[in-house]
């Protein structure tokens, strides 16, 4: 029979903060690597916007500004950067001819899918000895963690 030492809650929370910090640093590195894999000149912040557009479909710049909580001028500069790299297309909004929709280009979509596939294979290789139950538990706990910290929740 094993006896487990009870760790005080404040130490557990400190450990959580430390592990989340490690995860954030790793995620920043991975985002930079993925951005570079999609296009050598793609910036990390633009990559995040590109992945959001890929998930949500064509959007107005105002929706992007809301989603990222940044001003329309910054969005406009990011979108122009993505247009210059050939990663997004602009088209008139059929619901309002005065507005423009931004969408992921076919080239960018294909490259992003390839990069995501490569990353999932890498992750699967690293977590090969994790059971589906372990993976499910981590996904569920991270979901609960994110929901608990979401300002809008």
N, C-alpha and C. Protein backbone atom coordinates (compact mmCIF):
# COMPACT_ATOMS: atom_id res chain seq x y z
N UNK A 1 0.85 -1.18 0.00
CA UNK A 1 0.00 0.00 0.00
C UNK A 1 0.89 1.24 0.00
N UNK A 2 0.64 2.14 -0.92
CA UNK A 2 1.48 3.33 -0.98
C UNK A 2 0.79 4.50 -0.31
N UNK A 3 1.60 5.27 0.36
CA UNK A 3 1.06 6.47 1.00
C UNK A 3 1.50 7.66 0.16
N UNK A 4 0.54 8.47 -0.14
CA UNK A 4 0.80 9.65 -0.95
C UNK A 4 0.81 10.86 -0.05
N UNK A 5 1.87 11.65 -0.16
CA UNK A 5 1.95 12.87 0.61
C UNK A 5 1.04 13.91 -0.01
N UNK A 6 0.24 14.51 0.80
CA UNK A 6 -0.67 15.55 0.33
C UNK A 6 0.12 16.83 0.08
N UNK A 7 -0.03 17.36 -1.14
CA UNK A 7 0.66 18.61 -1.50
C UNK A 7 -0.30 19.75 -1.26
N UNK A 8 0.15 20.79 -0.55
CA UNK A 8 -0.74 21.94 -0.31
C UNK A 8 -1.22 22.56 -1.63
N UNK A 9 -2.45 23.06 -1.61
CA UNK A 9 -3.08 23.63 -2.81
C UNK A 9 -2.25 24.75 -3.42
N UNK A 10 -1.66 25.63 -2.60
CA UNK A 10 -0.87 26.73 -3.18
C UNK A 10 0.35 26.20 -3.92
N UNK A 11 0.93 25.11 -3.46
CA UNK A 11 2.06 24.50 -4.19
C UNK A 11 1.58 23.85 -5.48
N UNK A 12 0.41 23.22 -5.43
CA UNK A 12 -0.17 22.64 -6.65
C UNK A 12 -0.44 23.72 -7.69
N UNK A 13 -1.00 24.84 -7.24
CA UNK A 13 -1.27 25.95 -8.18
C UNK A 13 0.04 26.50 -8.73
N UNK A 14 1.06 26.60 -7.91
CA UNK A 14 2.38 27.03 -8.39
C UNK A 14 2.94 26.06 -9.42
N UNK A 15 2.77 24.77 -9.16
CA UNK A 15 3.21 23.76 -10.12
C UNK A 15 2.45 23.86 -11.43
N UNK A 16 1.14 24.12 -11.33
CA UNK A 16 0.32 24.30 -12.53
C UNK A 16 0.82 25.50 -13.33
N UNK A 17 1.07 26.61 -12.65
CA UNK A 17 1.58 27.81 -13.35
C UNK A 17 2.91 27.50 -14.03
N UNK A 18 3.77 26.77 -13.37
CA UNK A 18 5.08 26.44 -13.94
C UNK A 18 4.92 25.58 -15.18
N UNK A 19 4.09 24.53 -15.10
CA UNK A 19 3.90 23.64 -16.24
C UNK A 19 3.21 24.35 -17.40
N UNK A 20 2.26 25.22 -17.11
CA UNK A 20 1.60 26.00 -18.16
C UNK A 20 2.62 26.94 -18.81
N UNK A 21 3.52 27.51 -18.01
CA UNK A 21 4.57 28.37 -18.57
C UNK A 21 5.46 27.61 -19.54
N UNK A 22 5.84 26.38 -19.17
CA UNK A 22 6.63 25.54 -20.07
C UNK A 22 5.85 25.28 -21.35
N UNK A 23 4.56 24.96 -21.20
CA UNK A 23 3.72 24.68 -22.36
C UNK A 23 3.61 25.92 -23.26
N UNK A 24 3.47 27.10 -22.68
CA UNK A 24 3.37 28.33 -23.47
C UNK A 24 4.65 28.56 -24.27
N UNK A 25 5.79 28.39 -23.62
CA UNK A 25 7.06 28.57 -24.34
C UNK A 25 7.18 27.57 -25.48
N UNK A 26 6.78 26.32 -25.24
CA UNK A 26 6.83 25.30 -26.28
C UNK A 26 5.86 25.65 -27.42
N UNK A 27 4.67 26.10 -27.07
CA UNK A 27 3.68 26.46 -28.09
C UNK A 27 4.18 27.62 -28.94
N UNK A 28 4.80 28.60 -28.32
CA UNK A 28 5.34 29.73 -29.10
C UNK A 28 6.38 29.25 -30.10
N UNK A 29 7.25 28.32 -29.66
CA UNK A 29 8.26 27.79 -30.56
C UNK A 29 7.60 27.00 -31.70
N UNK A 30 6.61 26.18 -31.37
CA UNK A 30 5.93 25.37 -32.37
C UNK A 30 5.20 26.26 -33.38
N UNK A 31 4.56 27.31 -32.90
CA UNK A 31 3.85 28.23 -33.80
C UNK A 31 4.84 28.87 -34.78
N UNK A 32 5.99 29.29 -34.27
CA UNK A 32 7.01 29.88 -35.15
C UNK A 32 7.50 28.85 -36.18
N UNK A 33 7.69 27.60 -35.75
CA UNK A 33 8.12 26.55 -36.67
C UNK A 33 7.06 26.28 -37.73
N UNK A 34 5.81 26.20 -37.30
CA UNK A 34 4.72 25.95 -38.25
C UNK A 34 4.57 27.10 -39.23
N UNK A 35 4.66 28.32 -38.72
CA UNK A 35 4.55 29.49 -39.60
C UNK A 35 5.62 29.42 -40.68
N UNK A 36 6.85 29.14 -40.27
CA UNK A 36 7.96 29.06 -41.22
C UNK A 36 7.75 27.91 -42.22
N UNK A 37 7.15 26.80 -41.76
CA UNK A 37 6.90 25.67 -42.65
C UNK A 37 5.83 26.00 -43.69
N UNK A 38 4.87 26.84 -43.32
CA UNK A 38 3.84 27.25 -44.27
C UNK A 38 4.43 28.21 -45.30
N UNK A 39 5.22 29.16 -44.83
CA UNK A 39 5.89 30.11 -45.72
C UNK A 39 7.08 30.69 -44.96
N UNK A 40 8.26 30.75 -45.58
CA UNK A 40 9.46 31.22 -44.87
C UNK A 40 9.36 32.65 -44.30
N UNK A 41 8.47 33.46 -44.85
CA UNK A 41 8.33 34.84 -44.37
C UNK A 41 7.10 35.06 -43.50
N UNK A 42 6.39 33.99 -43.17
CA UNK A 42 5.17 34.12 -42.38
C UNK A 42 5.51 34.34 -40.91
N UNK A 43 4.95 35.40 -40.34
CA UNK A 43 5.15 35.72 -38.93
C UNK A 43 4.20 34.88 -38.07
N UNK A 44 4.62 34.62 -36.82
CA UNK A 44 3.80 33.82 -35.92
C UNK A 44 2.40 34.39 -35.73
N UNK A 45 2.31 35.71 -35.54
CA UNK A 45 1.00 36.32 -35.32
C UNK A 45 0.12 36.18 -36.57
N UNK A 46 0.72 36.28 -37.72
CA UNK A 46 -0.04 36.11 -38.96
C UNK A 46 -0.45 34.65 -39.14
N UNK A 47 0.38 33.73 -38.69
CA UNK A 47 0.03 32.30 -38.76
C UNK A 47 -1.21 32.02 -37.91
N UNK A 48 -1.27 32.60 -36.73
CA UNK A 48 -2.44 32.40 -35.87
C UNK A 48 -3.71 32.92 -36.54
N UNK A 49 -3.59 34.05 -37.20
CA UNK A 49 -4.72 34.62 -37.92
C UNK A 49 -5.11 33.72 -39.09
N UNK A 50 -4.13 33.20 -39.77
CA UNK A 50 -4.36 32.32 -40.91
C UNK A 50 -5.07 31.04 -40.45
N UNK A 51 -4.64 30.46 -39.35
CA UNK A 51 -5.29 29.24 -38.86
C UNK A 51 -6.73 29.53 -38.42
N UNK A 52 -6.95 30.70 -37.83
CA UNK A 52 -8.30 31.09 -37.42
C UNK A 52 -9.20 31.21 -38.65
N UNK A 53 -8.68 31.87 -39.69
CA UNK A 53 -9.45 32.01 -40.94
C UNK A 53 -9.74 30.65 -41.56
N UNK A 54 -8.77 29.76 -41.51
CA UNK A 54 -8.94 28.43 -42.06
C UNK A 54 -10.06 27.68 -41.33
N UNK A 55 -10.16 27.88 -40.03
CA UNK A 55 -11.19 27.21 -39.22
C UNK A 55 -12.56 27.84 -39.40
N UNK A 56 -12.61 29.17 -39.57
CA UNK A 56 -13.89 29.89 -39.57
C UNK A 56 -14.39 30.28 -40.95
N UNK A 57 -13.58 30.09 -41.97
CA UNK A 57 -14.00 30.45 -43.32
C UNK A 57 -13.88 31.94 -43.56
N UNK A 58 -14.30 32.40 -44.75
CA UNK A 58 -14.16 33.81 -45.12
C UNK A 58 -14.77 34.73 -44.06
N UNK A 59 -14.03 35.80 -43.75
CA UNK A 59 -14.45 36.72 -42.70
C UNK A 59 -14.15 38.16 -43.09
N UNK A 60 -14.91 39.05 -42.52
CA UNK A 60 -14.61 40.48 -42.63
C UNK A 60 -13.48 40.82 -41.65
N UNK A 61 -12.75 41.86 -41.96
CA UNK A 61 -11.68 42.30 -41.08
C UNK A 61 -12.22 42.66 -39.69
N UNK A 62 -13.43 43.19 -39.63
CA UNK A 62 -14.00 43.56 -38.33
C UNK A 62 -14.22 42.33 -37.45
N UNK A 63 -14.61 41.20 -38.04
CA UNK A 63 -14.77 39.97 -37.27
C UNK A 63 -13.43 39.48 -36.75
N UNK A 64 -12.41 39.65 -37.56
CA UNK A 64 -11.06 39.25 -37.15
C UNK A 64 -10.57 40.14 -36.02
N UNK A 65 -10.85 41.43 -36.12
CA UNK A 65 -10.44 42.35 -35.06
C UNK A 65 -11.12 41.97 -33.74
N UNK A 66 -12.39 41.61 -33.80
CA UNK A 66 -13.12 41.18 -32.61
C UNK A 66 -12.53 39.89 -32.04
N UNK A 67 -12.27 38.93 -32.92
CA UNK A 67 -11.78 37.62 -32.49
C UNK A 67 -10.41 37.73 -31.82
N UNK A 68 -9.57 38.64 -32.30
CA UNK A 68 -8.21 38.77 -31.78
C UNK A 68 -8.05 39.93 -30.81
N UNK A 69 -9.13 40.68 -30.59
CA UNK A 69 -9.10 41.83 -29.68
C UNK A 69 -7.97 42.81 -30.03
N UNK A 70 -7.86 43.10 -31.32
CA UNK A 70 -6.89 44.10 -31.77
C UNK A 70 -7.59 45.04 -32.74
N UNK A 71 -6.99 46.21 -32.92
CA UNK A 71 -7.65 47.23 -33.73
C UNK A 71 -7.60 46.88 -35.22
N UNK A 72 -8.52 47.49 -35.95
CA UNK A 72 -8.67 47.20 -37.38
C UNK A 72 -7.42 47.55 -38.18
N UNK A 73 -6.67 48.55 -37.74
CA UNK A 73 -5.44 48.92 -38.43
C UNK A 73 -4.41 47.80 -38.37
N UNK A 74 -4.28 47.17 -37.21
CA UNK A 74 -3.35 46.05 -37.05
C UNK A 74 -3.81 44.87 -37.90
N UNK A 75 -5.12 44.64 -37.91
CA UNK A 75 -5.67 43.55 -38.74
C UNK A 75 -5.37 43.83 -40.21
N UNK A 76 -5.57 45.06 -40.61
CA UNK A 76 -5.34 45.43 -42.01
C UNK A 76 -3.88 45.16 -42.40
N UNK A 77 -2.95 45.51 -41.53
CA UNK A 77 -1.52 45.26 -41.81
C UNK A 77 -1.24 43.76 -41.89
N UNK A 78 -1.82 42.98 -40.97
CA UNK A 78 -1.62 41.53 -40.98
C UNK A 78 -2.21 40.92 -42.26
N UNK A 79 -3.41 41.34 -42.61
CA UNK A 79 -4.06 40.82 -43.82
C UNK A 79 -3.22 41.17 -45.05
N UNK A 80 -2.72 42.40 -45.12
CA UNK A 80 -1.89 42.78 -46.26
C UNK A 80 -0.64 41.92 -46.35
N UNK A 81 -0.03 41.64 -45.20
CA UNK A 81 1.14 40.76 -45.15
C UNK A 81 0.78 39.38 -45.73
N UNK A 82 -0.38 38.86 -45.33
CA UNK A 82 -0.83 37.55 -45.81
C UNK A 82 -1.15 37.58 -47.31
N UNK A 83 -1.74 38.67 -47.77
CA UNK A 83 -2.03 38.83 -49.20
C UNK A 83 -0.71 38.86 -49.97
N UNK A 84 0.25 39.65 -49.49
CA UNK A 84 1.55 39.77 -50.16
C UNK A 84 2.25 38.41 -50.28
N UNK A 85 2.04 37.54 -49.30
CA UNK A 85 2.66 36.21 -49.33
C UNK A 85 1.84 35.20 -50.14
N UNK A 86 0.66 35.63 -50.62
CA UNK A 86 -0.19 34.74 -51.40
C UNK A 86 -0.95 33.72 -50.55
N UNK A 87 -1.11 34.02 -49.26
CA UNK A 87 -1.74 33.07 -48.34
C UNK A 87 -3.22 33.34 -48.11
N UNK A 88 -3.68 34.54 -48.42
CA UNK A 88 -5.10 34.84 -48.31
C UNK A 88 -5.56 35.58 -49.56
N UNK A 89 -6.85 35.48 -49.79
CA UNK A 89 -7.49 36.18 -50.91
C UNK A 89 -8.51 37.14 -50.34
N UNK A 90 -8.76 38.21 -51.07
CA UNK A 90 -9.84 39.15 -50.73
C UNK A 90 -10.89 39.07 -51.82
N UNK A 91 -12.15 39.18 -51.38
CA UNK A 91 -13.26 39.16 -52.34
C UNK A 91 -14.38 40.02 -51.77
N UNK A 92 -15.20 40.60 -52.64
CA UNK A 92 -16.34 41.37 -52.14
C UNK A 92 -17.28 40.47 -51.33
N UNK A 93 -17.85 41.04 -50.29
CA UNK A 93 -18.82 40.32 -49.46
C UNK A 93 -20.15 40.31 -50.23
N UNK A 94 -20.68 39.12 -50.57
CA UNK A 94 -21.93 39.08 -51.32
C UNK A 94 -23.11 39.68 -50.55
N UNK A 95 -23.00 39.72 -49.22
CA UNK A 95 -24.09 40.29 -48.40
C UNK A 95 -24.02 41.81 -48.35
N UNK A 96 -22.84 42.38 -48.65
CA UNK A 96 -22.66 43.83 -48.60
C UNK A 96 -21.50 44.17 -49.52
N UNK A 97 -21.79 44.65 -50.69
CA UNK A 97 -20.78 44.96 -51.70
C UNK A 97 -19.73 45.95 -51.26
N UNK A 98 -20.01 46.73 -50.21
CA UNK A 98 -19.02 47.69 -49.72
C UNK A 98 -17.95 47.01 -48.87
N UNK A 99 -18.25 45.82 -48.36
CA UNK A 99 -17.33 45.11 -47.47
C UNK A 99 -16.53 44.06 -48.24
N UNK A 100 -15.43 43.65 -47.63
CA UNK A 100 -14.55 42.66 -48.22
C UNK A 100 -14.43 41.45 -47.30
N UNK A 101 -14.40 40.28 -47.88
CA UNK A 101 -14.17 39.06 -47.12
C UNK A 101 -12.74 38.60 -47.38
N UNK A 102 -12.12 38.12 -46.33
CA UNK A 102 -10.76 37.59 -46.41
C UNK A 102 -10.87 36.08 -46.23
N UNK A 103 -10.20 35.32 -47.10
CA UNK A 103 -10.24 33.86 -46.99
C UNK A 103 -8.85 33.28 -47.26
N UNK A 104 -8.63 32.09 -46.76
CA UNK A 104 -7.36 31.39 -46.95
C UNK A 104 -7.26 30.94 -48.40
N UNK A 105 -6.11 31.18 -49.01
CA UNK A 105 -5.90 30.75 -50.39
C UNK A 105 -5.79 29.22 -50.44
N UNK A 106 -6.04 28.66 -51.62
CA UNK A 106 -5.94 27.20 -51.79
C UNK A 106 -4.53 26.73 -51.44
N UNK A 107 -3.54 27.48 -51.87
CA UNK A 107 -2.14 27.13 -51.61
C UNK A 107 -1.89 27.08 -50.10
N UNK A 108 -2.35 28.08 -49.39
CA UNK A 108 -2.13 28.14 -47.94
C UNK A 108 -2.87 27.02 -47.23
N UNK A 109 -4.09 26.75 -47.64
CA UNK A 109 -4.89 25.70 -47.02
C UNK A 109 -4.20 24.34 -47.17
N UNK A 110 -3.70 24.05 -48.36
CA UNK A 110 -3.00 22.79 -48.60
C UNK A 110 -1.73 22.70 -47.77
N UNK A 111 -0.98 23.79 -47.72
CA UNK A 111 0.28 23.78 -46.96
C UNK A 111 0.00 23.63 -45.46
N UNK A 112 -1.02 24.32 -44.97
CA UNK A 112 -1.36 24.23 -43.55
C UNK A 112 -1.80 22.82 -43.17
N UNK A 113 -2.56 22.17 -44.05
CA UNK A 113 -2.99 20.79 -43.80
C UNK A 113 -1.78 19.86 -43.74
N UNK A 114 -0.83 20.06 -44.63
CA UNK A 114 0.37 19.23 -44.63
C UNK A 114 1.18 19.44 -43.35
N UNK A 115 1.33 20.69 -42.94
CA UNK A 115 2.08 21.00 -41.72
C UNK A 115 1.39 20.40 -40.50
N UNK A 116 0.06 20.52 -40.43
CA UNK A 116 -0.69 19.96 -39.31
C UNK A 116 -0.55 18.44 -39.27
N UNK A 117 -0.59 17.80 -40.43
CA UNK A 117 -0.41 16.36 -40.49
C UNK A 117 0.95 15.93 -39.98
N UNK A 118 1.98 16.66 -40.42
CA UNK A 118 3.34 16.36 -39.95
C UNK A 118 3.44 16.52 -38.45
N UNK A 119 2.84 17.56 -37.92
CA UNK A 119 2.91 17.83 -36.48
C UNK A 119 2.15 16.75 -35.69
N UNK A 120 1.01 16.33 -36.18
CA UNK A 120 0.26 15.27 -35.48
C UNK A 120 1.02 13.96 -35.48
N UNK A 121 1.69 13.65 -36.60
CA UNK A 121 2.50 12.43 -36.64
C UNK A 121 3.64 12.51 -35.63
N UNK A 122 4.28 13.69 -35.53
CA UNK A 122 5.36 13.90 -34.56
C UNK A 122 4.82 13.74 -33.14
N UNK A 123 3.67 14.35 -32.87
CA UNK A 123 3.07 14.27 -31.54
C UNK A 123 2.67 12.82 -31.21
N UNK A 124 2.09 12.14 -32.17
CA UNK A 124 1.71 10.74 -31.96
C UNK A 124 2.94 9.89 -31.64
N UNK A 125 4.04 10.15 -32.30
CA UNK A 125 5.28 9.42 -32.04
C UNK A 125 5.76 9.66 -30.60
N UNK A 126 5.70 10.91 -30.15
CA UNK A 126 6.16 11.25 -28.79
C UNK A 126 5.22 10.70 -27.71
N UNK A 127 3.93 10.59 -28.02
CA UNK A 127 2.94 10.15 -27.04
C UNK A 127 2.47 8.71 -27.32
N UNK A 128 3.27 7.97 -28.05
CA UNK A 128 2.89 6.61 -28.45
C UNK A 128 2.51 5.72 -27.28
N UNK A 129 3.18 5.88 -26.13
CA UNK A 129 2.90 5.01 -24.98
C UNK A 129 1.74 5.53 -24.12
N UNK A 130 1.11 6.64 -24.51
CA UNK A 130 -0.06 7.14 -23.79
C UNK A 130 -1.29 6.39 -24.28
N UNK A 131 -2.11 5.97 -23.37
CA UNK A 131 -3.35 5.29 -23.75
C UNK A 131 -4.37 6.33 -24.25
N UNK A 132 -5.41 5.83 -24.92
CA UNK A 132 -6.49 6.73 -25.34
C UNK A 132 -7.17 7.35 -24.13
N UNK A 133 -7.23 6.60 -23.03
CA UNK A 133 -7.81 7.13 -21.79
C UNK A 133 -6.98 8.30 -21.26
N UNK A 134 -5.63 8.16 -21.30
CA UNK A 134 -4.75 9.24 -20.86
C UNK A 134 -4.95 10.48 -21.74
N UNK A 135 -4.97 10.28 -23.06
CA UNK A 135 -5.15 11.40 -23.97
C UNK A 135 -6.51 12.07 -23.75
N UNK A 136 -7.54 11.26 -23.57
CA UNK A 136 -8.88 11.79 -23.31
C UNK A 136 -8.88 12.62 -22.04
N UNK A 137 -8.24 12.11 -21.00
CA UNK A 137 -8.19 12.83 -19.72
C UNK A 137 -7.49 14.17 -19.87
N UNK A 138 -6.37 14.20 -20.58
CA UNK A 138 -5.63 15.45 -20.77
C UNK A 138 -6.47 16.45 -21.56
N UNK A 139 -7.10 15.99 -22.64
CA UNK A 139 -7.94 16.87 -23.45
C UNK A 139 -9.08 17.43 -22.61
N UNK A 140 -9.73 16.57 -21.85
CA UNK A 140 -10.85 17.04 -21.02
C UNK A 140 -10.39 18.01 -19.94
N UNK A 141 -9.28 17.71 -19.29
CA UNK A 141 -8.78 18.60 -18.23
C UNK A 141 -8.32 19.94 -18.80
N UNK A 142 -7.65 19.92 -19.93
CA UNK A 142 -7.25 21.19 -20.55
C UNK A 142 -8.48 21.99 -20.97
N UNK A 143 -9.49 21.31 -21.46
CA UNK A 143 -10.74 21.98 -21.81
C UNK A 143 -11.37 22.64 -20.59
N UNK A 144 -11.42 21.92 -19.49
CA UNK A 144 -11.97 22.48 -18.24
C UNK A 144 -11.13 23.66 -17.77
N UNK A 145 -9.82 23.52 -17.84
CA UNK A 145 -8.89 24.58 -17.43
C UNK A 145 -9.14 25.84 -18.27
N UNK A 146 -9.19 25.67 -19.59
CA UNK A 146 -9.41 26.82 -20.47
C UNK A 146 -10.77 27.45 -20.24
N UNK A 147 -11.80 26.63 -20.05
CA UNK A 147 -13.14 27.16 -19.81
C UNK A 147 -13.18 27.95 -18.49
N UNK A 148 -12.50 27.44 -17.47
CA UNK A 148 -12.49 28.12 -16.18
C UNK A 148 -11.78 29.47 -16.25
N UNK A 149 -10.81 29.60 -17.14
CA UNK A 149 -10.05 30.84 -17.24
C UNK A 149 -10.56 31.78 -18.31
N UNK A 150 -11.52 31.32 -19.10
CA UNK A 150 -12.08 32.15 -20.18
C UNK A 150 -12.85 33.31 -19.57
N UNK A 151 -12.47 34.52 -19.94
CA UNK A 151 -13.11 35.74 -19.39
C UNK A 151 -14.60 35.80 -19.74
N UNK A 152 -14.96 35.19 -20.86
CA UNK A 152 -16.35 35.27 -21.32
C UNK A 152 -17.23 34.22 -20.66
N UNK A 153 -16.61 33.25 -20.00
CA UNK A 153 -17.41 32.16 -19.39
C UNK A 153 -18.11 32.63 -18.15
